[in-house]
Amino acid sequence: MKSIAKVFFMMAICLPTIAIAGDGYKITGRSGSIFFVAIDAAQQNNENLYRFTVGEACAGKAICQVQFWISKAPSKLPLTDAQVASRLVHWQQNLHIGLHRWLVKCSSSNLFAKERECM
């Protein structure tokens, strides 16, 4: 019984460092309050998937950022110039000041057309 408890304890410790994947996306890493997410190319226009991912990554967090790439995302900072240029969507949240916003690379996507800022 003690060995099972050890296994669960080790899983709980390691869980934050393991990539989280769902249908259509994968959280590839994080740095502080910033999460890095790869969206499957077939799902890149699915706004609900972005919202679901933000809900999962930011659950219980007052300050949270989620950055999205198509197919392949970085796992840590610093980002290269190419990674910054290829980022498609960036969610910013700060509940202390009421900030909730979608930043979208408008030259490449029409996501969140009514509720976004272009980056």
Protein backbone atom coordinates (compact mmCIF):
# COMPACT_ATOMS: atom_id res chain seq x y z
CA MET A 1 0.00 0.00 0.00
CA LYS A 2 2.88 2.37 0.77
CA SER A 3 4.30 1.84 -2.72
CA ILE A 4 1.00 2.87 -4.33
CA ALA A 5 0.93 6.00 -2.19
CA LYS A 6 4.51 6.75 -3.28
CA VAL A 7 3.54 6.39 -6.94
CA PHE A 8 0.60 8.80 -6.56
CA PHE A 9 2.79 11.25 -4.63
CA MET A 10 5.44 11.19 -7.35
CA MET A 11 2.79 11.66 -10.04
CA ALA A 12 1.41 14.69 -8.17
CA ILE A 13 4.89 16.20 -7.97
CA CYS A 14 5.67 15.56 -11.65
CA LEU A 15 2.28 16.49 -13.06
CA PRO A 16 3.04 20.21 -13.56
CA THR A 17 6.04 19.34 -15.74
CA ILE A 18 4.19 16.87 -17.96
CA ALA A 19 2.67 18.18 -21.18
CA ILE A 20 -1.11 18.22 -21.11
CA ALA A 21 -2.96 17.23 -24.25
CA GLY A 22 -6.60 17.28 -25.19
CA ASP A 23 -8.50 16.79 -28.40
CA GLY A 24 -7.06 19.30 -30.81
CA TYR A 25 -4.40 20.91 -28.63
CA LYS A 26 -1.37 20.27 -26.45
CA ILE A 27 0.02 22.42 -23.64
CA THR A 28 3.72 22.07 -24.43
CA GLY A 29 5.11 23.98 -21.47
CA ARG A 30 4.90 26.98 -19.22
CA SER A 31 6.99 29.70 -17.68
CA GLY A 32 5.46 31.19 -14.56
CA SER A 33 1.94 32.28 -15.49
CA ILE A 34 2.50 31.84 -19.26
CA PHE A 35 1.33 28.64 -20.98
CA PHE A 36 2.48 27.54 -24.44
CA VAL A 37 -0.05 25.66 -26.58
CA ALA A 38 0.09 23.88 -29.93
CA ILE A 39 -3.25 23.77 -31.76
CA ASP A 40 -3.83 21.06 -34.37
CA ALA A 41 -3.92 22.61 -37.83
CA ALA A 42 -7.37 21.10 -38.44
CA GLN A 43 -8.67 22.98 -35.37
CA GLN A 44 -6.98 26.35 -35.88
CA ASN A 45 -10.27 28.17 -36.55
CA ASN A 46 -12.19 26.55 -33.68
CA GLU A 47 -12.73 29.41 -31.22
CA ASN A 48 -14.31 27.07 -28.67
CA LEU A 49 -11.10 25.04 -28.52
CA TYR A 50 -9.10 28.17 -27.64
CA ARG A 51 -11.64 29.07 -24.95
CA PHE A 52 -11.58 25.52 -23.53
CA THR A 53 -7.79 25.55 -23.43
CA VAL A 54 -7.73 28.91 -21.64
CA GLY A 55 -10.26 27.56 -19.14
CA GLU A 56 -8.08 24.56 -18.44
CA ALA A 57 -4.78 26.44 -18.23
CA CYS A 58 -6.08 29.41 -16.23
CA ALA A 59 -8.44 27.61 -13.84
CA GLY A 60 -8.03 29.11 -10.37
CA LYS A 61 -5.41 31.64 -11.49
CA ALA A 62 -5.92 35.40 -11.18
CA ILE A 63 -3.06 36.14 -13.58
CA CYS A 64 -2.61 33.95 -16.62
CA GLN A 65 -1.42 34.13 -20.21
CA VAL A 66 -1.91 31.47 -22.87
CA GLN A 67 -0.02 31.69 -26.15
CA PHE A 68 -1.05 29.59 -29.16
CA TRP A 69 0.81 28.29 -32.19
CA ILE A 70 -0.40 26.02 -34.96
CA SER A 71 0.99 22.45 -34.87
CA LYS A 72 4.19 23.19 -32.90
CA ALA A 73 4.67 25.42 -29.85
CA PRO A 74 7.72 26.21 -27.73
CA SER A 75 8.01 24.81 -24.23
CA LYS A 76 9.82 27.63 -22.42
CA LEU A 77 11.11 31.17 -22.54
CA PRO A 78 12.91 32.93 -24.10
CA LEU A 79 11.09 32.81 -27.42
CA THR A 80 13.03 33.13 -30.63
CA ASP A 81 12.12 35.82 -33.15
CA ALA A 82 10.63 33.11 -35.38
CA GLN A 83 8.46 31.82 -32.52
CA VAL A 84 7.18 35.31 -31.75
CA ALA A 85 6.42 35.88 -35.44
CA SER A 86 4.53 32.59 -35.79
CA ARG A 87 2.39 32.96 -32.65
CA LEU A 88 -1.24 33.17 -33.77
CA VAL A 89 -3.22 33.97 -30.62
CA HIS A 90 -2.37 35.26 -27.15
CA TRP A 91 -4.81 35.31 -24.21
CA GLN A 92 -4.15 37.73 -21.35
CA GLN A 93 -5.95 37.62 -18.02
CA ASN A 94 -5.50 39.64 -14.84
CA LEU A 95 -8.53 39.35 -12.58
CA HIS A 96 -7.13 41.98 -10.20
CA ILE A 97 -7.69 44.71 -12.79
CA GLY A 98 -10.44 43.10 -14.87
CA LEU A 99 -8.26 42.33 -17.88
CA HIS A 100 -9.50 39.62 -20.27
CA ARG A 101 -8.36 39.94 -23.86
CA TRP A 102 -7.58 38.03 -27.02
CA LEU A 103 -4.62 39.26 -29.04
CA VAL A 104 -4.71 37.80 -32.54
CA LYS A 105 -2.31 37.97 -35.46
CA CYS A 106 -4.99 39.60 -37.62
CA SER A 107 -2.91 39.35 -40.79
CA SER A 108 -3.18 35.55 -40.50
CA SER A 109 -6.50 34.89 -38.78
CA ASN A 110 -10.04 36.14 -38.30
CA LEU A 111 -10.43 34.46 -34.90
CA PHE A 112 -12.40 36.37 -32.24
CA ALA A 113 -13.25 39.09 -34.79
CA LYS A 114 -15.67 40.89 -32.43
CA GLU A 115 -13.62 40.67 -29.24
CA ARG A 116 -9.95 40.90 -30.18
CA GLU A 117 -7.05 43.25 -30.51
CA CYS A 118 -4.58 42.75 -33.32
CA MET A 119 -0.93 42.04 -32.63
